[in-house]
Amino acid sequence: MHPLPLHLGAGSDLRASLERLGSEVGTSGFVLGVVGDLSQAAFQCPGQAESTVLEGHLEIITLQGTVAPQGVHLHLSLSDGDCQVWGGHLEHGSLVLRGADLLVGFLPTSAPQEPAAAAVRPAVPAAPAQPRVEIAVLSGCPYSARALRMLRTLGIPHGVQLADDQGVRQEVADRSGSDSMPQVFIDGQPIGGYDALADLHGRGALDHLR
């Protein structure tokens, strides 16, 4: 693991800064620690369709989650001036007040070397594997975004179908038996939306797909 310190000045967007860091480093990692404060915090509370936004002098308590070139999945907890604790999924719009210092640990980028004996075997081109998980999503739908974040964070290969077009959305509804979004399919079978996906994750039923 390669630890990388990151200092953010006043006005920096906490999530956008970590997304940019993951893109620049080009490998996956996770937040090891943070100290700092915010003038504004934006986070998604469980079960809420809209983000919660707080303003004032807000002290960061914890920031946990993953950072990668494909994006971030981070959970924030903070305290307001009354020592009330808030928390949820970090969203854009969380702005640093005076400063924030983070330590992010990144994984090595080099892949393990294959044993020398295996190198003499003739290479056989592998057929591209079709993802076992498919997900139909709707632009601007918070539950679609959450489901996609969960699949990316868990490292589950998946195909994405954008269902903004009414005809495509009707096809998905006919296939799944539901007109809500998102809709997730595993091995071609509909399993439901974000809540069903989260329930499977909580029971460890997605581990074999990683």
C-alpha atoms as a PDB file:
ATOM      1  CA  MET A   1       0.000   0.000   0.000  1.00  0.00           C
ATOM      2  CA  HIS A   2       1.180   3.515  -0.819  1.00  0.00           C
ATOM      3  CA  PRO A   3      -0.085   6.172   1.656  1.00  0.00           C
ATOM      4  CA  LEU A   4      -0.666   9.578   0.072  1.00  0.00           C
ATOM      5  CA  PRO A   5      -1.370  12.741   2.136  1.00  0.00           C
ATOM      6  CA  LEU A   6      -3.835  15.255   0.708  1.00  0.00           C
ATOM      7  CA  HIS A   7      -4.413  18.806   1.985  1.00  0.00           C
ATOM      8  CA  LEU A   8      -7.555  20.649   0.895  1.00  0.00           C
ATOM      9  CA  GLY A   9      -7.852  24.399   1.262  1.00  0.00           C
ATOM     10  CA  ALA A  10     -10.883  26.517   2.046  1.00  0.00           C
ATOM     11  CA  GLY A  11     -13.684  26.174  -0.489  1.00  0.00           C
ATOM     12  CA  SER A  12     -12.536  22.784  -1.845  1.00  0.00           C
ATOM     13  CA  ASP A  13     -15.272  20.291  -2.673  1.00  0.00           C
ATOM     14  CA  LEU A  14     -14.429  17.205  -0.605  1.00  0.00           C
ATOM     15  CA  ARG A  15     -15.926  14.605  -2.947  1.00  0.00           C
ATOM     16  CA  ALA A  16     -14.759  16.236  -6.187  1.00  0.00           C
ATOM     17  CA  SER A  17     -11.205  16.498  -4.812  1.00  0.00           C
ATOM     18  CA  LEU A  18     -11.092  12.774  -3.991  1.00  0.00           C
ATOM     19  CA  GLU A  19     -12.593  11.872  -7.378  1.00  0.00           C
ATOM     20  CA  ARG A  20      -9.864  13.921  -9.059  1.00  0.00           C
ATOM     21  CA  LEU A  21      -7.192  12.256  -6.915  1.00  0.00           C
ATOM     22  CA  GLY A  22      -8.409   8.770  -7.847  1.00  0.00           C
ATOM     23  CA  SER A  23      -8.375   9.689 -11.525  1.00  0.00           C
ATOM     24  CA  GLU A  24      -4.870  11.155 -11.342  1.00  0.00           C
ATOM     25  CA  VAL A  25      -3.342   8.249  -9.374  1.00  0.00           C
ATOM     26  CA  GLY A  26      -5.012   5.670 -11.620  1.00  0.00           C
ATOM     27  CA  THR A  27      -5.467   2.888  -9.060  1.00  0.00           C
ATOM     28  CA  SER A  28      -7.855   1.947  -6.257  1.00  0.00           C
ATOM     29  CA  GLY A  29      -7.464   2.912  -2.622  1.00  0.00           C
ATOM     30  CA  PHE A  30      -9.317   3.933   0.513  1.00  0.00           C
ATOM     31  CA  VAL A  31      -9.414   6.798   3.002  1.00  0.00           C
ATOM     32  CA  LEU A  32      -7.276   6.036   6.065  1.00  0.00           C
ATOM     33  CA  GLY A  33      -7.986   9.179   8.083  1.00  0.00           C
ATOM     34  CA  VAL A  34      -9.184  12.790   7.980  1.00  0.00           C
ATOM     35  CA  VAL A  35      -9.098  15.906  10.150  1.00  0.00           C
ATOM     36  CA  GLY A  36     -10.831  19.125   9.146  1.00  0.00           C
ATOM     37  CA  ASP A  37     -14.006  21.158   9.013  1.00  0.00           C
ATOM     38  CA  LEU A  38     -16.700  22.078   6.488  1.00  0.00           C
ATOM     39  CA  SER A  39     -18.768  25.172   5.815  1.00  0.00           C
ATOM     40  CA  GLN A  40     -21.362  23.071   4.012  1.00  0.00           C
ATOM     41  CA  ALA A  41     -22.029  19.328   4.027  1.00  0.00           C
ATOM     42  CA  ALA A  42     -24.098  17.441   1.452  1.00  0.00           C
ATOM     43  CA  PHE A  43     -24.885  13.795   2.138  1.00  0.00           C
ATOM     44  CA  GLN A  44     -27.493  11.164   1.335  1.00  0.00           C
ATOM     45  CA  CYS A  45     -29.334   9.756   4.325  1.00  0.00           C
ATOM     46  CA  PRO A  46     -30.594   6.138   4.161  1.00  0.00           C
ATOM     47  CA  GLY A  47     -34.047   5.860   2.612  1.00  0.00           C
ATOM     48  CA  GLN A  48     -34.180   9.510   1.503  1.00  0.00           C
ATOM     49  CA  ALA A  49     -34.605  10.442  -2.163  1.00  0.00           C
ATOM     50  CA  GLU A  50     -32.920  13.854  -1.821  1.00  0.00           C
ATOM     51  CA  SER A  51     -29.582  14.875  -0.341  1.00  0.00           C
ATOM     52  CA  THR A  52     -29.416  16.574   3.071  1.00  0.00           C
ATOM     53  CA  VAL A  53     -27.483  19.867   3.073  1.00  0.00           C
ATOM     54  CA  LEU A  54     -26.183  21.476   6.282  1.00  0.00           C
ATOM     55  CA  GLU A  55     -24.428  24.848   6.605  1.00  0.00           C
ATOM     56  CA  GLY A  56     -22.356  26.319   9.413  1.00  0.00           C
ATOM     57  CA  HIS A  57     -19.179  25.337  11.236  1.00  0.00           C
ATOM     58  CA  LEU A  58     -19.215  21.547  10.817  1.00  0.00           C
ATOM     59  CA  GLU A  59     -16.457  19.345  12.212  1.00  0.00           C
ATOM     60  CA  ILE A  60     -15.604  16.169  10.279  1.00  0.00           C
ATOM     61  CA  ILE A  61     -15.644  13.104  12.550  1.00  0.00           C
ATOM     62  CA  THR A  62     -15.055  10.294  10.065  1.00  0.00           C
ATOM     63  CA  LEU A  63     -14.755   9.753   6.327  1.00  0.00           C
ATOM     64  CA  GLN A  64     -14.628   6.135   5.186  1.00  0.00           C
ATOM     65  CA  GLY A  65     -14.817   4.423   1.834  1.00  0.00           C
ATOM     66  CA  THR A  66     -13.094   3.754  -1.457  1.00  0.00           C
ATOM     67  CA  VAL A  67     -11.363   5.943  -4.045  1.00  0.00           C
ATOM     68  CA  ALA A  68     -10.786   4.701  -7.605  1.00  0.00           C
ATOM     69  CA  PRO A  69     -10.379   6.024 -11.165  1.00  0.00           C
ATOM     70  CA  GLN A  70     -14.015   5.038 -11.810  1.00  0.00           C
ATOM     71  CA  GLY A  71     -15.310   7.097  -8.897  1.00  0.00           C
ATOM     72  CA  VAL A  72     -15.643   7.147  -5.114  1.00  0.00           C
ATOM     73  CA  HIS A  73     -17.950   5.571  -2.528  1.00  0.00           C
ATOM     74  CA  LEU A  74     -17.593   7.468   0.743  1.00  0.00           C
ATOM     75  CA  HIS A  75     -19.518   7.743   4.000  1.00  0.00           C
ATOM     76  CA  LEU A  76     -19.210  10.960   6.022  1.00  0.00           C
ATOM     77  CA  SER A  77     -20.050  11.676   9.658  1.00  0.00           C
ATOM     78  CA  LEU A  78     -19.827  15.167  11.173  1.00  0.00           C
ATOM     79  CA  SER A  79     -20.823  17.268  14.152  1.00  0.00           C
ATOM     80  CA  ASP A  80     -22.642  20.613  14.115  1.00  0.00           C
ATOM     81  CA  GLY A  81     -22.328  23.473  16.645  1.00  0.00           C
ATOM     82  CA  ASP A  82     -24.740  21.743  19.033  1.00  0.00           C
ATOM     83  CA  CYS A  83     -22.619  18.555  18.985  1.00  0.00           C
ATOM     84  CA  GLN A  84     -25.358  16.772  17.068  1.00  0.00           C
ATOM     85  CA  VAL A  85     -23.917  14.063  14.820  1.00  0.00           C
ATOM     86  CA  TRP A  86     -25.029  13.684  11.208  1.00  0.00           C
ATOM     87  CA  GLY A  87     -23.934  11.250   8.544  1.00  0.00           C
ATOM     88  CA  GLY A  88     -24.591   9.566   5.243  1.00  0.00           C
ATOM     89  CA  HIS A  89     -23.229   9.011   1.750  1.00  0.00           C
ATOM     90  CA  LEU A  90     -20.934  11.893   0.745  1.00  0.00           C
ATOM     91  CA  GLU A  91     -22.269  13.992  -2.143  1.00  0.00           C
ATOM     92  CA  HIS A  92     -20.916  16.900  -4.185  1.00  0.00           C
ATOM     93  CA  GLY A  93     -21.309  20.246  -2.432  1.00  0.00           C
ATOM     94  CA  SER A  94     -19.451  19.375   0.784  1.00  0.00           C
ATOM     95  CA  LEU A  95     -17.150  22.400   1.057  1.00  0.00           C
ATOM     96  CA  VAL A  96     -14.057  22.780   3.244  1.00  0.00           C
ATOM     97  CA  LEU A  97     -14.263  25.677   5.733  1.00  0.00           C
ATOM     98  CA  ARG A  98     -10.659  26.339   6.827  1.00  0.00           C
ATOM     99  CA  GLY A  99      -8.802  23.214   5.774  1.00  0.00           C
ATOM    100  CA  ALA A 100      -8.884  19.433   5.692  1.00  0.00           C
ATOM    101  CA  ASP A 101      -6.012  16.945   5.825  1.00  0.00           C
ATOM    102  CA  LEU A 102      -6.561  13.417   4.563  1.00  0.00           C
ATOM    103  CA  LEU A 103      -4.446  10.292   4.249  1.00  0.00           C
ATOM    104  CA  VAL A 104      -5.420   8.006   1.367  1.00  0.00           C
ATOM    105  CA  GLY A 105      -3.896   4.546   0.934  1.00  0.00           C
ATOM    106  CA  PHE A 106      -3.549   3.309  -2.662  1.00  0.00           C
ATOM    107  CA  LEU A 107      -3.001  -0.287  -3.722  1.00  0.00           C
ATOM    108  CA  PRO A 108      -0.011  -1.299  -5.881  1.00  0.00           C
ATOM    109  CA  THR A 109      -0.639  -1.008  -9.621  1.00  0.00           C
ATOM    110  CA  SER A 110       1.608  -3.891 -10.734  1.00  0.00           C
ATOM    111  CA  ALA A 111      -0.135  -7.191 -11.319  1.00  0.00           C
ATOM    112  CA  PRO A 112       1.290 -10.426  -9.852  1.00  0.00           C
ATOM    113  CA  GLN A 113       3.720 -12.171 -12.172  1.00  0.00           C
ATOM    114  CA  GLU A 114       2.727 -15.545 -13.588  1.00  0.00           C
ATOM    115  CA  PRO A 115       5.071 -18.415 -12.662  1.00  0.00           C
ATOM    116  CA  ALA A 116       7.808 -19.034 -15.256  1.00  0.00           C
ATOM    117  CA  ALA A 117       6.600 -22.565 -15.958  1.00  0.00           C
ATOM    118  CA  ALA A 118       3.245 -21.260 -17.046  1.00  0.00           C
ATOM    119  CA  ALA A 119       4.834 -18.893 -19.547  1.00  0.00           C
ATOM    120  CA  VAL A 120       5.725 -21.745 -21.934  1.00  0.00           C
ATOM    121  CA  ARG A 121       2.092 -22.695 -22.404  1.00  0.00           C
ATOM    122  CA  PRO A 122       0.571 -21.468 -25.666  1.00  0.00           C
ATOM    123  CA  ALA A 123      -1.756 -18.537 -25.145  1.00  0.00           C
ATOM    124  CA  VAL A 124      -5.391 -19.278 -25.819  1.00  0.00           C
ATOM    125  CA  PRO A 125      -7.505 -16.228 -26.652  1.00  0.00           C
ATOM    126  CA  ALA A 126     -10.248 -15.902 -24.085  1.00  0.00           C
ATOM    127  CA  ALA A 127     -13.743 -15.198 -25.244  1.00  0.00           C
ATOM    128  CA  PRO A 128     -15.137 -12.006 -23.699  1.00  0.00           C
ATOM    129  CA  ALA A 129     -17.315 -12.964 -20.755  1.00  0.00           C
ATOM    130  CA  GLN A 130     -20.825 -11.598 -20.625  1.00  0.00           C
ATOM    131  CA  PRO A 131     -21.568  -9.948 -17.258  1.00  0.00           C
ATOM    132  CA  ARG A 132     -23.941 -12.025 -15.150  1.00  0.00           C
ATOM    133  CA  VAL A 133     -25.460  -8.856 -13.736  1.00  0.00           C
ATOM    134  CA  GLU A 134     -27.427  -6.355 -15.794  1.00  0.00           C
ATOM    135  CA  ILE A 135     -28.968  -3.142 -14.532  1.00  0.00           C
ATOM    136  CA  ALA A 136     -31.453  -0.809 -16.206  1.00  0.00           C
ATOM    137  CA  VAL A 137     -31.197   2.753 -14.906  1.00  0.00           C
ATOM    138  CA  LEU A 138     -32.873   6.116 -15.324  1.00  0.00           C
ATOM    139  CA  SER A 139     -30.902   9.369 -15.598  1.00  0.00           C
ATOM    140  CA  GLY A 140     -31.284  11.536 -12.490  1.00  0.00           C
ATOM    141  CA  CYS A 141     -32.771   8.686 -10.436  1.00  0.00           C
ATOM    142  CA  PRO A 142     -31.038   8.597  -7.000  1.00  0.00           C
ATOM    143  CA  TYR A 143     -31.788   4.913  -6.497  1.00  0.00           C
ATOM    144  CA  SER A 144     -30.276   4.093  -9.897  1.00  0.00           C
ATOM    145  CA  ALA A 145     -27.135   6.002  -8.859  1.00  0.00           C
ATOM    146  CA  ARG A 146     -26.982   4.153  -5.520  1.00  0.00           C
ATOM    147  CA  ALA A 147     -27.328   0.749  -7.180  1.00  0.00           C
ATOM    148  CA  LEU A 148     -24.554   1.560  -9.661  1.00  0.00           C
ATOM    149  CA  ARG A 149     -22.304   2.762  -6.824  1.00  0.00           C
ATOM    150  CA  MET A 150     -22.917  -0.465  -4.919  1.00  0.00           C
ATOM    151  CA  LEU A 151     -22.022  -2.669  -7.897  1.00  0.00           C
ATOM    152  CA  ARG A 152     -18.866  -0.633  -8.616  1.00  0.00           C
ATOM    153  CA  THR A 153     -17.791  -0.633  -4.977  1.00  0.00           C
ATOM    154  CA  LEU A 154     -18.303  -4.392  -4.653  1.00  0.00           C
ATOM    155  CA  GLY A 155     -16.340  -4.985  -7.847  1.00  0.00           C
ATOM    156  CA  ILE A 156     -19.208  -6.843  -9.551  1.00  0.00           C
ATOM    157  CA  PRO A 157     -18.994  -6.797 -13.380  1.00  0.00           C
ATOM    158  CA  HIS A 158     -22.259  -5.520 -14.821  1.00  0.00           C
ATOM    159  CA  GLY A 159     -23.871  -4.281 -17.985  1.00  0.00           C
ATOM    160  CA  VAL A 160     -25.826  -1.017 -17.902  1.00  0.00           C
ATOM    161  CA  GLN A 161     -28.939  -0.240 -19.937  1.00  0.00           C
ATOM    162  CA  LEU A 162     -30.107   3.384 -19.990  1.00  0.00           C
ATOM    163  CA  ALA A 163     -33.910   3.432 -19.935  1.00  0.00           C
ATOM    164  CA  ASP A 164     -34.578   7.141 -20.496  1.00  0.00           C
ATOM    165  CA  ASP A 165     -36.457   6.344 -23.714  1.00  0.00           C
ATOM    166  CA  GLN A 166     -40.068   5.371 -23.064  1.00  0.00           C
ATOM    167  CA  GLY A 167     -39.861   2.419 -25.443  1.00  0.00           C
ATOM    168  CA  VAL A 168     -36.767   1.024 -23.700  1.00  0.00           C
ATOM    169  CA  ARG A 169     -38.358   1.572 -20.313  1.00  0.00           C
ATOM    170  CA  GLN A 170     -41.439  -0.368 -21.413  1.00  0.00           C
ATOM    171  CA  GLU A 171     -39.227  -3.241 -22.586  1.00  0.00           C
ATOM    172  CA  VAL A 172     -37.555  -3.311 -19.171  1.00  0.00           C
ATOM    173  CA  ALA A 173     -40.962  -3.227 -17.439  1.00  0.00           C
ATOM    174  CA  ASP A 174     -42.207  -6.123 -19.567  1.00  0.00           C
ATOM    175  CA  ARG A 175     -39.086  -8.119 -18.761  1.00  0.00           C
ATOM    176  CA  SER A 176     -39.007  -7.376 -15.025  1.00  0.00           C
ATOM    177  CA  GLY A 177     -42.713  -7.097 -14.256  1.00  0.00           C
ATOM    178  CA  SER A 178     -42.186  -3.669 -12.658  1.00  0.00           C
ATOM    179  CA  ASP A 179     -42.107  -0.118 -14.008  1.00  0.00           C
ATOM    180  CA  SER A 180     -39.910   1.257 -11.188  1.00  0.00           C
ATOM    181  CA  MET A 181     -36.206   2.063 -11.628  1.00  0.00           C
ATOM    182  CA  PRO A 182     -33.601   0.699 -11.388  1.00  0.00           C
ATOM    183  CA  GLN A 183     -34.195  -2.934 -12.342  1.00  0.00           C
ATOM    184  CA  VAL A 184     -31.470  -5.517 -11.730  1.00  0.00           C
ATOM    185  CA  PHE A 185     -31.141  -8.859 -13.480  1.00  0.00           C
ATOM    186  CA  ILE A 186     -28.851 -11.701 -12.397  1.00  0.00           C
ATOM    187  CA  ASP A 187     -28.291 -14.468 -14.935  1.00  0.00           C
ATOM    188  CA  GLY A 188     -31.237 -13.026 -16.848  1.00  0.00           C
ATOM    189  CA  GLN A 189     -33.641 -13.226 -13.903  1.00  0.00           C
ATOM    190  CA  PRO A 190     -35.178 -10.038 -12.432  1.00  0.00           C
ATOM    191  CA  ILE A 191     -34.390  -9.563  -8.751  1.00  0.00           C
ATOM    192  CA  GLY A 192     -35.892  -6.089  -8.223  1.00  0.00           C
ATOM    193  CA  GLY A 193     -34.437  -2.635  -7.624  1.00  0.00           C
ATOM    194  CA  TYR A 194     -31.993  -0.988  -5.227  1.00  0.00           C
ATOM    195  CA  ASP A 195     -33.652  -2.308  -2.048  1.00  0.00           C
ATOM    196  CA  ALA A 196     -33.536  -5.895  -3.332  1.00  0.00           C
ATOM    197  CA  LEU A 197     -29.883  -5.469  -4.350  1.00  0.00           C
ATOM    198  CA  ALA A 198     -28.992  -4.037  -0.915  1.00  0.00           C
ATOM    199  CA  ASP A 199     -30.819  -6.917   0.786  1.00  0.00           C
ATOM    200  CA  LEU A 200     -28.831  -9.487  -1.216  1.00  0.00           C
ATOM    201  CA  HIS A 201     -25.605  -7.671  -0.335  1.00  0.00           C
ATOM    202  CA  GLY A 202     -26.519  -7.643   3.356  1.00  0.00           C
ATOM    203  CA  ARG A 203     -27.039 -11.421   3.267  1.00  0.00           C
ATOM    204  CA  GLY A 204     -23.772 -12.035   1.408  1.00  0.00           C
ATOM    205  CA  ALA A 205     -25.672 -13.345  -1.611  1.00  0.00           C
ATOM    206  CA  LEU A 206     -23.669 -11.204  -4.069  1.00  0.00           C
ATOM    207  CA  ASP A 207     -20.215 -12.391  -2.996  1.00  0.00           C
ATOM    208  CA  HIS A 208     -19.992 -15.088  -5.683  1.00  0.00           C
ATOM    209  CA  LEU A 209     -20.455 -12.445  -8.385  1.00  0.00           C
ATOM    210  CA  ARG A 210     -17.420 -10.343  -7.398  1.00  0.00           C
END
